[in-house]
C-alpha atoms as a PDB file:
ATOM      1  CA  MET A   1     102.361  38.550 219.697  1.00  0.00           C
ATOM      2  CA  LYS A   2     102.303  41.608 217.399  1.00  0.00           C
ATOM      3  CA  GLN A   3     106.080  41.352 217.034  1.00  0.00           C
ATOM      4  CA  LEU A   4     105.808  37.665 216.045  1.00  0.00           C
ATOM      5  CA  ALA A   5     103.091  38.476 213.502  1.00  0.00           C
ATOM      6  CA  PHE A   6     105.294  41.204 212.011  1.00  0.00           C
ATOM      7  CA  ILE A   7     108.253  38.800 211.704  1.00  0.00           C
ATOM      8  CA  LEU A   8     106.093  36.160 210.037  1.00  0.00           C
ATOM      9  CA  ALA A   9     104.638  38.688 207.626  1.00  0.00           C
ATOM     10  CA  ALA A  10     108.107  39.981 206.748  1.00  0.00           C
ATOM     11  CA  ALA A  11     109.367  36.445 206.147  1.00  0.00           C
ATOM     12  CA  ALA A  12     106.395  35.680 203.909  1.00  0.00           C
ATOM     13  CA  ALA A  13     106.994  38.863 201.926  1.00  0.00           C
ATOM     14  CA  LEU A  14     110.658  37.989 201.508  1.00  0.00           C
ATOM     15  CA  CYS A  15     109.800  34.527 200.174  1.00  0.00           C
ATOM     16  CA  ALA A  16     107.197  35.963 197.838  1.00  0.00           C
ATOM     17  CA  THR A  17     109.730  38.375 196.308  1.00  0.00           C
ATOM     18  CA  ALA A  18     112.609  35.889 196.075  1.00  0.00           C
ATOM     19  CA  ALA A  19     113.924  35.681 192.530  1.00  0.00           C
ATOM     20  CA  GLU A  20     112.909  32.565 190.635  1.00  0.00           C
ATOM     21  CA  PRO A  21     115.862  30.632 189.206  1.00  0.00           C
ATOM     22  CA  VAL A  22     116.279  30.678 185.447  1.00  0.00           C
ATOM     23  CA  LEU A  23     115.227  27.349 183.944  1.00  0.00           C
ATOM     24  CA  VAL A  24     117.618  25.579 181.572  1.00  0.00           C
ATOM     25  CA  GLY A  25     116.231  22.870 179.290  1.00  0.00           C
ATOM     26  CA  HIS A  26     118.590  19.905 179.798  1.00  0.00           C
ATOM     27  CA  ARG A  27     119.361  18.501 176.334  1.00  0.00           C
ATOM     28  CA  GLY A  28     116.358  20.525 175.270  1.00  0.00           C
ATOM     29  CA  SER A  29     113.619  18.691 177.148  1.00  0.00           C
ATOM     30  CA  ASP A  30     112.322  15.210 177.927  1.00  0.00           C
ATOM     31  CA  ILE A  31     110.370  14.972 174.664  1.00  0.00           C
ATOM     32  CA  GLY A  32     112.001  13.166 171.752  1.00  0.00           C
ATOM     33  CA  ILE A  33     115.573  11.956 171.415  1.00  0.00           C
ATOM     34  CA  GLU A  34     117.808  13.974 173.743  1.00  0.00           C
ATOM     35  CA  SER A  35     119.308  17.056 172.063  1.00  0.00           C
ATOM     36  CA  SER A  36     117.307  16.444 168.876  1.00  0.00           C
ATOM     37  CA  ARG A  37     115.466  19.270 167.153  1.00  0.00           C
ATOM     38  CA  GLU A  38     112.239  17.859 168.615  1.00  0.00           C
ATOM     39  CA  ALA A  39     113.615  18.020 172.164  1.00  0.00           C
ATOM     40  CA  LEU A  40     115.062  21.516 171.679  1.00  0.00           C
ATOM     41  CA  GLU A  41     111.899  22.901 170.120  1.00  0.00           C
ATOM     42  CA  GLU A  42     109.790  21.446 172.936  1.00  0.00           C
ATOM     43  CA  GLY A  43     112.069  23.100 175.504  1.00  0.00           C
ATOM     44  CA  ALA A  44     111.705  26.392 173.656  1.00  0.00           C
ATOM     45  CA  ARG A  45     107.907  26.035 173.532  1.00  0.00           C
ATOM     46  CA  ARG A  46     107.871  25.463 177.276  1.00  0.00           C
ATOM     47  CA  GLY A  47     109.516  28.823 177.679  1.00  0.00           C
ATOM     48  CA  TYR A  48     112.890  27.730 179.026  1.00  0.00           C
ATOM     49  CA  PRO A  49     115.114  30.829 178.815  1.00  0.00           C
ATOM     50  CA  PHE A  50     118.130  28.577 178.124  1.00  0.00           C
ATOM     51  CA  LEU A  51     118.475  25.412 176.062  1.00  0.00           C
ATOM     52  CA  GLU A  52     121.419  23.183 177.009  1.00  0.00           C
ATOM     53  CA  SER A  53     123.209  20.554 174.961  1.00  0.00           C
ATOM     54  CA  ASP A  54     126.555  18.819 174.764  1.00  0.00           C
ATOM     55  CA  ILE A  55     128.613  19.298 171.631  1.00  0.00           C
ATOM     56  CA  ARG A  56     131.261  17.203 169.939  1.00  0.00           C
ATOM     57  CA  VAL A  57     133.148  17.457 166.663  1.00  0.00           C
ATOM     58  CA  ALA A  58     132.199  15.070 163.851  1.00  0.00           C
ATOM     59  CA  GLY A  59     134.796  13.523 161.580  1.00  0.00           C
ATOM     60  CA  ASP A  60     134.400  16.328 159.036  1.00  0.00           C
ATOM     61  CA  GLY A  61     134.690  19.108 161.621  1.00  0.00           C
ATOM     62  CA  THR A  62     130.971  19.789 162.021  1.00  0.00           C
ATOM     63  CA  PHE A  63     129.789  20.666 165.532  1.00  0.00           C
ATOM     64  CA  VAL A  64     127.099  18.134 166.454  1.00  0.00           C
ATOM     65  CA  LEU A  65     124.956  17.639 169.558  1.00  0.00           C
ATOM     66  CA  SER A  66     125.987  14.462 171.349  1.00  0.00           C
ATOM     67  CA  HIS A  67     126.589  13.632 174.991  1.00  0.00           C
ATOM     68  CA  ASP A  68     128.496  10.419 174.253  1.00  0.00           C
ATOM     69  CA  GLU A  69     131.517   9.570 172.131  1.00  0.00           C
ATOM     70  CA  THR A  70     129.391   7.057 170.223  1.00  0.00           C
ATOM     71  CA  THR A  71     125.734   6.582 169.370  1.00  0.00           C
ATOM     72  CA  GLU A  72     125.651   3.172 171.040  1.00  0.00           C
ATOM     73  CA  ARG A  73     123.408   4.267 173.908  1.00  0.00           C
ATOM     74  CA  LEU A  74     120.913   5.564 171.360  1.00  0.00           C
ATOM     75  CA  GLY A  75     120.623   2.292 169.496  1.00  0.00           C
ATOM     76  CA  SER A  76     123.375   2.685 166.944  1.00  0.00           C
ATOM     77  CA  GLY A  77     127.134   2.257 166.930  1.00  0.00           C
ATOM     78  CA  LEU A  78     128.770   5.210 165.211  1.00  0.00           C
ATOM     79  CA  VAL A  79     131.880   6.913 166.631  1.00  0.00           C
ATOM     80  CA  VAL A  80     131.128  10.626 166.463  1.00  0.00           C
ATOM     81  CA  ALA A  81     134.721  11.804 165.922  1.00  0.00           C
ATOM     82  CA  ALA A  82     135.255   9.308 163.089  1.00  0.00           C
ATOM     83  CA  THR A  83     131.963   9.799 161.227  1.00  0.00           C
ATOM     84  CA  SER A  84     130.890  12.572 158.886  1.00  0.00           C
ATOM     85  CA  ALA A  85     128.014  14.792 159.862  1.00  0.00           C
ATOM     86  CA  ASP A  86     125.990  13.567 156.889  1.00  0.00           C
ATOM     87  CA  SER A  87     126.237   9.984 158.128  1.00  0.00           C
ATOM     88  CA  LEU A  88     125.511  10.933 161.742  1.00  0.00           C
ATOM     89  CA  LEU A  89     122.458  12.984 160.778  1.00  0.00           C
ATOM     90  CA  ALA A  90     121.121  10.215 158.517  1.00  0.00           C
ATOM     91  CA  ASP A  91     121.317   7.623 161.309  1.00  0.00           C
ATOM     92  CA  THR A  92     118.080   6.692 163.102  1.00  0.00           C
ATOM     93  CA  LEU A  93     118.411   7.003 166.876  1.00  0.00           C
ATOM     94  CA  ARG A  94     116.151   5.311 169.428  1.00  0.00           C
ATOM     95  CA  GLN A  95     115.645   6.187 173.068  1.00  0.00           C
ATOM     96  CA  THR A  96     113.074   5.441 175.760  1.00  0.00           C
ATOM     97  CA  ARG A  97     112.579   8.315 178.183  1.00  0.00           C
ATOM     98  CA  TRP A  98     110.172   8.098 181.116  1.00  0.00           C
ATOM     99  CA  ASP A  99     108.729   4.919 179.566  1.00  0.00           C
ATOM    100  CA  ILE A 100     107.997   6.577 176.210  1.00  0.00           C
ATOM    101  CA  PRO A 101     109.917   5.266 173.162  1.00  0.00           C
ATOM    102  CA  TYR A 102     111.172   7.773 170.602  1.00  0.00           C
ATOM    103  CA  GLU A 103     112.874   7.683 167.253  1.00  0.00           C
ATOM    104  CA  GLY A 104     114.765  10.633 165.844  1.00  0.00           C
ATOM    105  CA  ARG A 105     117.968  12.017 164.447  1.00  0.00           C
ATOM    106  CA  MET A 106     120.997  13.844 165.734  1.00  0.00           C
ATOM    107  CA  ALA A 107     121.050  17.626 165.475  1.00  0.00           C
ATOM    108  CA  THR A 108     123.886  20.080 164.970  1.00  0.00           C
ATOM    109  CA  LEU A 109     125.032  23.153 166.851  1.00  0.00           C
ATOM    110  CA  ALA A 110     123.702  25.154 163.901  1.00  0.00           C
ATOM    111  CA  ASP A 111     120.258  23.661 164.561  1.00  0.00           C
ATOM    112  CA  MET A 112     120.460  24.594 168.226  1.00  0.00           C
ATOM    113  CA  LEU A 113     121.500  28.191 167.525  1.00  0.00           C
ATOM    114  CA  GLU A 114     118.765  28.531 164.890  1.00  0.00           C
ATOM    115  CA  ILE A 115     116.095  27.304 167.333  1.00  0.00           C
ATOM    116  CA  CYS A 116     117.386  29.589 170.091  1.00  0.00           C
ATOM    117  CA  LYS A 117     117.278  32.559 167.730  1.00  0.00           C
ATOM    118  CA  GLN A 118     113.792  31.654 166.497  1.00  0.00           C
ATOM    119  CA  TYR A 119     112.305  31.300 169.975  1.00  0.00           C
ATOM    120  CA  GLY A 120     114.360  33.935 171.781  1.00  0.00           C
ATOM    121  CA  CYS A 121     116.225  31.421 173.976  1.00  0.00           C
ATOM    122  CA  ARG A 122     119.873  31.477 174.991  1.00  0.00           C
ATOM    123  CA  PRO A 123     122.149  28.500 174.234  1.00  0.00           C
ATOM    124  CA  LEU A 124     124.049  26.827 177.068  1.00  0.00           C
ATOM    125  CA  ILE A 125     126.748  24.900 175.222  1.00  0.00           C
ATOM    126  CA  GLU A 126     128.452  22.097 177.143  1.00  0.00           C
ATOM    127  CA  LEU A 127     131.838  21.127 175.740  1.00  0.00           C
ATOM    128  CA  LYS A 128     132.609  17.414 175.673  1.00  0.00           C
ATOM    129  CA  TRP A 129     136.047  16.000 174.880  1.00  0.00           C
ATOM    130  CA  ALA A 130     136.425  16.433 171.112  1.00  0.00           C
ATOM    131  CA  THR A 131     139.033  16.982 168.435  1.00  0.00           C
ATOM    132  CA  GLY A 132     140.738  20.275 169.248  1.00  0.00           C
ATOM    133  CA  ILE A 133     138.434  20.940 172.182  1.00  0.00           C
ATOM    134  CA  ASN A 134     139.761  19.080 175.194  1.00  0.00           C
ATOM    135  CA  SER A 135     142.026  19.417 178.204  1.00  0.00           C
ATOM    136  CA  GLU A 136     145.129  18.670 176.143  1.00  0.00           C
ATOM    137  CA  ASP A 137     144.350  20.515 172.913  1.00  0.00           C
ATOM    138  CA  THR A 138     142.386  23.784 172.670  1.00  0.00           C
ATOM    139  CA  SER A 139     143.259  24.513 169.036  1.00  0.00           C
ATOM    140  CA  GLY A 140     139.664  23.975 167.893  1.00  0.00           C
ATOM    141  CA  ILE A 141     138.134  26.554 170.210  1.00  0.00           C
ATOM    142  CA  PRO A 142     138.641  29.574 167.882  1.00  0.00           C
ATOM    143  CA  ALA A 143     136.621  27.817 165.172  1.00  0.00           C
ATOM    144  CA  LEU A 144     133.829  27.184 167.685  1.00  0.00           C
ATOM    145  CA  ILE A 145     133.728  30.785 168.878  1.00  0.00           C
ATOM    146  CA  ASP A 146     133.837  32.028 165.281  1.00  0.00           C
ATOM    147  CA  PHE A 147     130.918  29.737 164.438  1.00  0.00           C
ATOM    148  CA  ILE A 148     128.854  31.084 167.342  1.00  0.00           C
ATOM    149  CA  THR A 149     129.811  34.655 166.472  1.00  0.00           C
ATOM    150  CA  GLU A 150     128.843  34.269 162.813  1.00  0.00           C
ATOM    151  CA  ALA A 151     125.474  32.916 163.937  1.00  0.00           C
ATOM    152  CA  GLY A 152     124.964  36.153 165.873  1.00  0.00           C
ATOM    153  CA  MET A 153     124.768  34.358 169.223  1.00  0.00           C
ATOM    154  CA  ARG A 154     128.088  35.143 170.895  1.00  0.00           C
ATOM    155  CA  ASP A 155     126.522  37.694 173.235  1.00  0.00           C
ATOM    156  CA  LYS A 156     123.700  35.252 174.051  1.00  0.00           C
ATOM    157  CA  CYS A 157     125.583  32.000 174.609  1.00  0.00           C
ATOM    158  CA  MET A 158     126.997  30.537 177.794  1.00  0.00           C
ATOM    159  CA  ILE A 159     129.685  27.849 177.649  1.00  0.00           C
ATOM    160  CA  LEU A 160     129.874  25.086 180.230  1.00  0.00           C
ATOM    161  CA  THR A 161     132.406  22.299 180.743  1.00  0.00           C
ATOM    162  CA  SER A 162     134.404  20.396 183.337  1.00  0.00           C
ATOM    163  CA  MET A 163     137.563  20.841 181.209  1.00  0.00           C
ATOM    164  CA  LYS A 164     139.378  23.705 182.936  1.00  0.00           C
ATOM    165  CA  PRO A 165     142.007  24.277 180.208  1.00  0.00           C
ATOM    166  CA  CYS A 166     139.184  24.980 177.748  1.00  0.00           C
ATOM    167  CA  LEU A 167     137.576  27.481 180.115  1.00  0.00           C
ATOM    168  CA  GLU A 168     140.925  29.137 180.806  1.00  0.00           C
ATOM    169  CA  TYR A 169     141.597  29.468 177.077  1.00  0.00           C
ATOM    170  CA  ILE A 170     138.193  31.032 176.439  1.00  0.00           C
ATOM    171  CA  ARG A 171     138.508  33.394 179.396  1.00  0.00           C
ATOM    172  CA  GLU A 172     141.916  34.591 178.194  1.00  0.00           C
ATOM    173  CA  HIS A 173     141.077  35.001 174.502  1.00  0.00           C
ATOM    174  CA  TYR A 174     137.335  35.724 174.629  1.00  0.00           C
ATOM    175  CA  PRO A 175     136.714  37.475 177.954  1.00  0.00           C
ATOM    176  CA  ASP A 176     133.216  38.564 176.926  1.00  0.00           C
ATOM    177  CA  VAL A 177     131.884  34.975 176.758  1.00  0.00           C
ATOM    178  CA  GLU A 178     129.913  33.842 179.802  1.00  0.00           C
ATOM    179  CA  LEU A 179     131.294  30.664 181.368  1.00  0.00           C
ATOM    180  CA  GLN A 180     130.369  28.018 183.956  1.00  0.00           C
ATOM    181  CA  LEU A 181     132.498  25.267 185.478  1.00  0.00           C
ATOM    182  CA  LEU A 182     130.725  21.919 185.639  1.00  0.00           C
ATOM    183  CA  VAL A 183     131.354  19.842 188.775  1.00  0.00           C
ATOM    184  CA  GLN A 184     129.860  16.779 190.349  1.00  0.00           C
ATOM    185  CA  THR A 185     130.505  17.277 194.040  1.00  0.00           C
ATOM    186  CA  LYS A 186     133.891  19.035 194.274  1.00  0.00           C
ATOM    187  CA  VAL A 187     132.456  22.444 194.979  1.00  0.00           C
ATOM    188  CA  ASP A 188     134.637  23.835 197.767  1.00  0.00           C
ATOM    189  CA  GLU A 189     137.823  22.625 196.069  1.00  0.00           C
ATOM    190  CA  ASN A 190     136.967  24.716 192.983  1.00  0.00           C
ATOM    191  CA  PHE A 191     135.803  27.917 194.676  1.00  0.00           C
ATOM    192  CA  ASP A 192     139.126  29.778 194.481  1.00  0.00           C
ATOM    193  CA  TRP A 193     139.601  28.747 190.841  1.00  0.00           C
ATOM    194  CA  CYS A 194     136.150  30.083 189.905  1.00  0.00           C
ATOM    195  CA  VAL A 195     136.855  33.355 191.691  1.00  0.00           C
ATOM    196  CA  LYS A 196     140.234  33.693 189.960  1.00  0.00           C
ATOM    197  CA  HIS A 197     138.687  33.169 186.523  1.00  0.00           C
ATOM    198  CA  ASN A 198     135.410  34.977 187.272  1.00  0.00           C
ATOM    199  CA  MET A 199     132.954  32.270 186.320  1.00  0.00           C
ATOM    200  CA  GLY A 200     129.885  30.597 187.733  1.00  0.00           C
ATOM    201  CA  ILE A 201     129.566  26.975 188.742  1.00  0.00           C
ATOM    202  CA  ASP A 202     127.146  24.203 187.773  1.00  0.00           C
ATOM    203  CA  ILE A 203     126.755  21.742 190.657  1.00  0.00           C
ATOM    204  CA  HIS A 204     125.147  18.316 190.849  1.00  0.00           C
ATOM    205  CA  HIS A 205     121.980  18.584 192.929  1.00  0.00           C
ATOM    206  CA  SER A 206     123.352  16.282 195.625  1.00  0.00           C
ATOM    207  CA  ALA A 207     126.120  18.749 196.489  1.00  0.00           C
ATOM    208  CA  VAL A 208     124.175  22.027 196.634  1.00  0.00           C
ATOM    209  CA  THR A 209     123.828  23.582 200.089  1.00  0.00           C
ATOM    210  CA  PRO A 210     122.690  27.027 201.275  1.00  0.00           C
ATOM    211  CA  GLU A 211     126.204  27.708 202.570  1.00  0.00           C
ATOM    212  CA  ARG A 212     127.811  26.967 199.205  1.00  0.00           C
ATOM    213  CA  VAL A 213     125.286  29.077 197.333  1.00  0.00           C
ATOM    214  CA  GLU A 214     125.875  31.954 199.746  1.00  0.00           C
ATOM    215  CA  ARG A 215     129.649  31.655 199.376  1.00  0.00           C
ATOM    216  CA  PHE A 216     129.534  31.918 195.592  1.00  0.00           C
ATOM    217  CA  HIS A 217     127.046  34.768 195.733  1.00  0.00           C
ATOM    218  CA  ALA A 218     129.284  36.659 198.142  1.00  0.00           C
ATOM    219  CA  ALA A 219     131.975  36.445 195.467  1.00  0.00           C
ATOM    220  CA  GLY A 220     129.521  37.714 192.839  1.00  0.00           C
ATOM    221  CA  LEU A 221     129.312  34.350 191.046  1.00  0.00           C
ATOM    222  CA  PRO A 222     126.129  32.541 189.940  1.00  0.00           C
ATOM    223  CA  VAL A 223     125.179  28.975 190.827  1.00  0.00           C
ATOM    224  CA  ASN A 224     123.523  26.464 188.509  1.00  0.00           C
ATOM    225  CA  VAL A 225     122.172  23.117 189.755  1.00  0.00           C
ATOM    226  CA  TRP A 226     121.645  19.977 187.657  1.00  0.00           C
ATOM    227  CA  THR A 227     119.452  18.051 187.063  1.00  0.00           C
ATOM    228  CA  VAL A 228     116.199  18.971 188.862  1.00  0.00           C
ATOM    229  CA  ASN A 229     112.942  17.321 187.804  1.00  0.00           C
ATOM    230  CA  THR A 230     110.434  17.613 190.668  1.00  0.00           C
ATOM    231  CA  PRO A 231     108.471  20.639 191.913  1.00  0.00           C
ATOM    232  CA  GLU A 232     109.602  19.841 195.436  1.00  0.00           C
ATOM    233  CA  ASP A 233     113.290  20.022 194.515  1.00  0.00           C
ATOM    234  CA  ARG A 234     112.662  23.141 192.471  1.00  0.00           C
ATOM    235  CA  ALA A 235     111.116  24.820 195.513  1.00  0.00           C
ATOM    236  CA  ARG A 236     113.981  23.684 197.746  1.00  0.00           C
ATOM    237  CA  PHE A 237     116.688  25.064 195.460  1.00  0.00           C
ATOM    238  CA  THR A 238     114.708  28.239 194.860  1.00  0.00           C
ATOM    239  CA  GLU A 239     114.674  28.786 198.611  1.00  0.00           C
ATOM    240  CA  MET A 240     118.462  28.320 198.646  1.00  0.00           C
ATOM    241  CA  GLY A 241     118.717  31.099 196.105  1.00  0.00           C
ATOM    242  CA  VAL A 242     120.323  29.273 193.171  1.00  0.00           C
ATOM    243  CA  ASP A 243     120.445  31.282 189.955  1.00  0.00           C
ATOM    244  CA  TYR A 244     119.804  28.502 187.420  1.00  0.00           C
ATOM    245  CA  ILE A 245     118.004  25.174 187.516  1.00  0.00           C
ATOM    246  CA  THR A 246     118.777  22.679 184.749  1.00  0.00           C
ATOM    247  CA  THR A 247     115.801  20.409 184.146  1.00  0.00           C
ATOM    248  CA  ASP A 248     114.499  17.728 181.809  1.00  0.00           C
ATOM    249  CA  ARG A 249     110.844  18.164 182.508  1.00  0.00           C
ATOM    250  CA  LEU A 250     109.747  21.022 184.769  1.00  0.00           C
ATOM    251  CA  ARG A 251     106.832  22.847 183.085  1.00  0.00           C
END
């Protein structure tokens, strides 16, 4: 009986001291238009150590925050790659999130880096297919890294994408930049590639298992899980030992 009590006490102590995953504000937060200044500032106020957003390249070369190729899903119809930043930023966007309607405007990567610097957050920059930043053409990546460097955030940022050629280019030319490979469910198939290029992985929540987390940790690589929005799932992934949890609305 005493031995059982000791085991239970040890297990409880281990759980109590388990490291909490770092929270990443998915597209900033669930307040406001996704990836808008309002959403990013709300994520920062909640204390998320990282703010995440997708970036694309506007028609004039400006780095803007947009998940999609167009603004159609947000109530407009502009093609990001063919529209100047001035026109994109002047456009009114509309989005209903968790039954709350919002109006707002697109933000830029400069806005995101400014907010991160102001609130002491780190930017998690997800690369979407864009002019010069895609699986067939990486010629625009130096301008992106220079932009981040000039903003004083190169040592703070993490870059995430599913486009392996972009990650390989950054790893070769900018080995100091922290990287993550984004996957849906193809975790095991990408393990050796992540080890070879020394980068973490961001896995859809449906594909995260204790065995996969342990395998990446054994190789010294961190695991991110997206997108987690309930306390129950947060507790479950914390128990698995994931390093990052990307969320819209925890806290």
